[in-house]
Protein backbone atom coordinates (compact mmCIF):
# COMPACT_ATOMS: atom_id res chain seq x y z
CA MET A 1 177.93 63.78 95.93
CA GLU A 2 177.78 60.46 97.62
CA GLU A 3 178.41 62.04 101.08
CA GLU A 4 175.51 64.40 100.32
CA HIS A 5 173.36 61.47 99.46
CA ASN A 6 174.38 59.57 102.62
CA GLU A 7 173.82 62.59 104.68
CA ASP A 8 170.19 63.12 103.45
CA ARG A 9 169.44 59.42 104.41
CA ARG A 10 170.85 59.98 107.85
CA ASN A 11 169.01 63.21 108.76
CA THR A 12 165.49 62.18 107.27
CA GLY A 13 163.29 59.41 107.83
CA ILE A 14 159.72 58.17 107.38
CA LEU A 15 157.70 57.26 110.49
CA PRO A 16 155.01 54.25 109.94
CA PHE A 17 152.08 53.81 111.93
CA GLU A 18 149.97 50.69 112.55
CA ASP A 19 146.90 52.14 110.52
CA GLY A 20 149.01 52.25 107.28
CA THR A 21 149.83 56.10 107.35
CA PHE A 22 153.13 57.55 107.73
CA LEU A 23 154.83 60.85 108.37
CA ASN A 24 158.24 62.38 107.29
CA TYR A 25 160.61 63.67 109.65
CA LYS A 26 164.10 65.36 109.86
CA ILE A 27 167.05 65.25 112.19
CA VAL A 28 168.82 68.46 113.06
CA LYS A 29 172.18 68.70 114.79
CA SER A 30 173.29 71.66 116.88
CA LYS A 31 175.23 72.93 119.81
CA ARG A 32 172.96 71.57 122.47
CA ARG A 33 173.33 69.06 125.31
CA THR A 34 170.21 66.91 125.10
CA MET A 35 168.01 65.25 122.59
CA ALA A 36 164.59 66.50 121.70
CA LEU A 37 161.66 65.49 119.62
CA GLN A 38 159.51 68.47 118.32
CA VAL A 39 156.31 68.76 116.28
CA SER A 40 156.02 72.35 114.91
CA LYS A 41 153.02 74.50 114.77
CA THR A 42 152.62 73.40 110.96
CA GLY A 43 152.93 69.62 111.85
CA GLU A 44 156.52 69.34 110.90
CA VAL A 45 158.33 66.56 112.91
CA ILE A 46 161.93 67.38 113.89
CA VAL A 47 164.42 65.62 116.00
CA ARG A 48 167.07 67.86 117.55
CA LEU A 49 170.49 66.28 118.61
CA PRO A 50 173.74 67.45 120.02
CA PHE A 51 176.70 67.19 117.39
CA THR A 52 178.16 64.32 119.15
CA VAL A 53 174.95 62.11 119.29
CA PRO A 54 174.70 59.66 116.26
CA TYR A 55 171.81 59.91 114.03
CA ARG A 56 170.81 56.37 114.93
CA LEU A 57 169.74 57.58 118.41
CA GLY A 58 167.57 60.16 116.72
CA HIS A 59 165.77 57.57 114.59
CA GLU A 60 165.25 55.41 117.66
CA LEU A 61 163.69 58.33 119.56
CA VAL A 62 161.14 58.94 116.95
CA LEU A 63 160.19 55.23 116.78
CA LYS A 64 159.90 55.11 120.62
CA ASN A 65 157.52 58.06 120.62
CA SER A 66 155.40 57.26 117.55
CA ARG A 67 152.18 57.19 119.14
CA TRP A 68 152.90 60.90 120.55
CA VAL A 69 153.86 61.99 117.46
CA TYR A 70 150.90 60.73 115.47
CA GLU A 71 148.28 62.34 117.99
CA ALA A 72 150.24 65.48 118.06
CA VAL A 73 150.21 65.88 114.23
CA LEU A 74 146.60 64.70 113.98
CA LYS A 75 145.68 67.43 116.42
CA ILE A 76 147.40 70.11 114.53
CA ARG A 77 145.65 69.20 111.36
CA SER A 78 142.23 68.95 112.69
CA ARG A 79 142.24 72.16 114.79
CA PRO A 80 140.03 74.97 113.78
CA VAL A 81 141.74 77.85 111.77
CA ILE A 82 141.48 81.26 113.50
CA ASN A 83 141.33 83.13 110.17
CA GLN A 84 138.96 80.71 108.36
CA PHE A 85 138.88 80.65 104.58
CA SER A 86 135.54 82.01 103.02
CA TRP A 87 133.88 80.29 100.11
CA VAL A 88 132.60 83.43 98.73
CA ASP A 89 132.87 85.26 95.31
CA GLY A 90 136.38 86.44 94.85
CA SER A 91 138.19 83.94 97.00
CA GLU A 92 141.20 82.10 95.88
CA LEU A 93 141.49 78.28 95.36
CA LEU A 94 144.07 76.06 94.14
CA LEU A 95 143.76 73.72 91.14
CA PHE A 96 146.96 71.92 89.87
CA GLY A 97 149.13 74.38 91.89
CA GLU A 98 147.55 77.36 90.20
CA LYS A 99 145.22 80.00 91.64
CA ARG A 100 141.46 80.03 90.72
CA ILE A 101 139.09 82.93 91.62
CA ILE A 102 135.77 81.70 92.69
CA ARG A 103 132.88 83.40 90.79
CA ILE A 104 129.37 83.08 91.75
CA LEU A 105 126.41 83.73 89.44
CA HIS A 106 123.01 83.41 91.36
CA ASP A 107 120.43 81.87 88.93
CA VAL A 108 117.21 80.67 90.74
CA ARG A 109 115.94 79.25 87.52
CA ARG A 110 118.38 76.48 87.45
CA LYS A 111 117.58 73.27 89.30
CA GLY A 112 121.22 72.53 89.95
CA ILE A 113 124.53 74.31 90.08
CA LEU A 114 126.98 74.35 87.13
CA ILE A 115 130.69 74.81 87.66
CA LYS A 116 132.62 76.14 84.71
CA GLU A 117 136.50 76.05 84.78
CA SER A 118 138.71 78.37 83.06
CA SER A 119 142.45 79.13 83.52
CA GLU A 120 141.70 81.82 85.99
CA GLU A 121 138.36 81.27 87.46
CA LEU A 122 135.83 78.56 88.81
CA THR A 123 132.41 79.98 87.91
CA LEU A 124 129.30 78.59 89.96
CA THR A 125 125.94 79.27 88.25
CA GLY A 126 122.69 78.29 90.01
CA PRO A 127 120.58 78.61 93.21
CA ILE A 128 123.38 79.27 95.50
CA ASP A 129 122.12 80.12 99.10
CA GLY A 130 125.62 80.50 101.10
CA GLU A 131 129.05 79.48 101.75
CA ASP A 132 128.22 76.02 102.84
CA THR A 133 126.61 75.44 99.52
CA VAL A 134 129.55 76.69 97.70
CA LYS A 135 131.98 74.79 99.78
CA THR A 136 130.10 71.39 99.26
CA VAL A 137 129.53 71.89 95.53
CA ILE A 138 133.31 72.80 94.96
CA LYS A 139 134.71 70.05 97.06
CA ASN A 140 132.37 67.40 95.36
CA TRP A 141 133.68 68.79 91.99
CA TYR A 142 137.24 68.60 93.23
CA ARG A 143 136.83 64.90 94.02
CA GLN A 144 135.27 63.94 90.59
CA ARG A 145 138.05 65.91 88.93
CA ALA A 146 140.68 63.97 91.24
CA ARG A 147 139.15 60.63 90.17
CA GLN A 148 139.64 61.23 86.57
CA TYR A 149 143.06 62.89 86.91
CA LEU A 150 144.35 60.28 89.20
CA GLU A 151 143.00 57.33 87.44
CA GLU A 152 144.61 58.42 84.11
CA LYS A 153 147.97 59.33 85.91
CA THR A 154 148.07 55.91 87.61
CA ALA A 155 147.43 53.96 84.44
CA VAL A 156 150.37 56.03 82.68
CA TRP A 157 152.85 55.22 85.54
CA ALA A 158 151.83 51.88 86.07
CA GLN A 159 152.57 51.04 82.38
CA ILE A 160 155.99 52.83 82.74
CA MET A 161 156.82 51.10 85.78
CA ASN A 162 155.58 47.70 84.39
CA THR A 163 153.44 46.85 87.42
CA ASP A 164 149.82 46.47 88.23
CA TYR A 165 147.23 47.51 90.73
CA GLY A 166 143.64 46.87 92.06
CA ARG A 167 140.91 49.47 92.35
CA ILE A 168 141.59 53.15 93.05
CA ALA A 169 139.63 54.92 95.78
CA ILE A 170 139.52 58.68 96.31
CA ARG A 171 139.54 59.41 99.87
CA ASP A 172 139.30 62.49 102.45
CA GLN A 173 142.29 61.45 104.41
CA ALA A 174 143.51 63.52 107.13
CA THR A 175 147.14 62.49 107.54
CA ARG A 176 148.27 60.87 103.98
CA TRP A 177 148.37 61.74 100.47
CA GLY A 178 148.01 58.16 99.41
CA SER A 179 148.36 54.45 100.27
CA CYS A 180 148.58 51.00 98.90
CA SER A 181 147.02 47.88 100.47
CA GLY A 182 148.48 44.40 100.36
CA LYS A 183 146.01 43.34 97.80
CA GLY A 184 147.18 46.25 95.57
CA ASN A 185 144.23 48.70 95.91
CA LEU A 186 145.28 52.35 96.00
CA ASN A 187 143.82 55.11 97.94
CA PHE A 188 144.53 58.77 96.91
CA ASN A 189 143.55 62.05 98.85
CA TRP A 190 141.39 64.18 96.59
CA ARG A 191 143.51 67.14 97.64
CA LEU A 192 146.21 65.93 95.01
CA VAL A 193 144.41 68.12 92.45
CA LEU A 194 145.19 71.16 94.48
CA LEU A 195 149.13 70.45 94.11
CA PRO A 196 151.45 71.15 91.20
CA GLU A 197 151.20 68.13 88.80
CA ASP A 198 154.89 66.83 89.61
CA LEU A 199 153.97 66.41 93.16
CA ALA A 200 150.82 64.32 92.18
CA ASP A 201 153.19 62.21 90.20
CA TYR A 202 155.44 61.59 93.07
CA VAL A 203 152.68 60.33 95.21
CA VAL A 204 151.45 58.10 92.39
CA VAL A 205 154.92 56.62 91.83
CA HIS A 206 155.47 56.21 95.51
CA GLU A 207 152.36 54.10 95.88
CA LEU A 208 152.85 52.12 92.87
CA ALA A 209 156.38 51.18 94.11
CA HIS A 210 154.64 49.64 97.10
CA ARG A 211 153.40 47.08 94.60
CA SER A 212 156.90 45.63 94.76
CA TYR A 213 158.01 46.63 98.21
CA MET A 214 155.41 46.98 101.18
CA ASN A 215 157.81 48.94 103.24
CA HIS A 216 160.27 51.91 102.97
CA SER A 217 163.45 49.92 102.43
CA LYS A 218 166.35 50.91 100.30
CA ALA A 219 165.09 48.84 97.52
CA PHE A 220 161.81 50.75 97.66
CA TRP A 221 163.40 54.26 97.54
CA SER A 222 165.58 52.97 94.66
CA THR A 223 162.45 52.17 92.77
CA VAL A 224 161.04 55.47 93.32
CA GLU A 225 164.22 57.25 92.37
CA LYS A 226 164.61 55.56 89.17
CA GLU A 227 161.37 57.15 88.02
CA ILE A 228 161.46 60.46 90.05
CA PRO A 229 165.30 61.24 90.50
CA ASP A 230 164.50 64.44 92.48
CA TYR A 231 161.93 62.76 94.70
CA ARG A 232 163.62 64.18 97.82
CA SER A 233 162.92 67.68 96.74
CA ARG A 234 159.44 66.99 95.82
CA ARG A 235 158.76 65.28 98.97
CA LYS A 236 160.00 68.36 100.86
CA ARG A 237 157.69 70.46 98.72
CA LEU A 238 154.86 68.25 99.41
CA ARG A 239 155.42 68.89 103.16
CA GLU A 240 155.49 72.67 102.59
CA TYR A 241 151.92 72.36 100.94
CA GLU A 242 150.41 70.32 103.73
CA SER A 243 149.68 72.79 106.55
CA ASP A 244 147.92 75.32 104.37
CA ILE A 245 146.01 72.82 102.46
CA TYR A 246 144.78 70.81 105.21
CA GLN A 247 143.77 73.84 107.24
CA LYS A 248 141.79 75.57 104.36
CA TYR A 249 140.32 72.42 102.56
């Protein structure tokens, strides 16, 4: 069990950037002769090493090319989607990891647009004049939902972890799910409301752990692991969601 734990630490890492964002990466060994650094089509960062090369050199390769990695991933996440998602009646959205169907009820008598949430649908009622209107209304609704959801979740976890924090801001971030400033202010990506709740919990705990350690040291990860023992699997699932969510939303 300890060997598996150490192996996980050696073949995965977190790459921090000057603007406070970070990316996860993994190291894969195989029968090859040279080292290689790869950013996949979905934005996954992979270091490929020969079996004879120590993991340390793989981590050094990532750090040395951090600027290239950052720009490559940002380019992938910001590129247009060929099969663009349509914000129309019948399309599927995510909310807390579950699918919701968009339902549109045109009603020109209303001054504003009402959103009603059920376990299966998001129903918009009002003077709706196209996809841009639907997209704007739903994304604004997501952000409002995210604020209440994440403020409540952060308060609960802060009490459990016996820590404090400053203000909470809900952002439209392109490369990260959350961040913690030196003053204790927390930023969260509104897209966290799209994910299963246990993944949002991981992000909140991650940022609150930075109230004690403004780094990704062994002590930091021990703090996270104390509250989220399976944080590694949650972090992996979080990466799996990233490409689809950032492309669609």
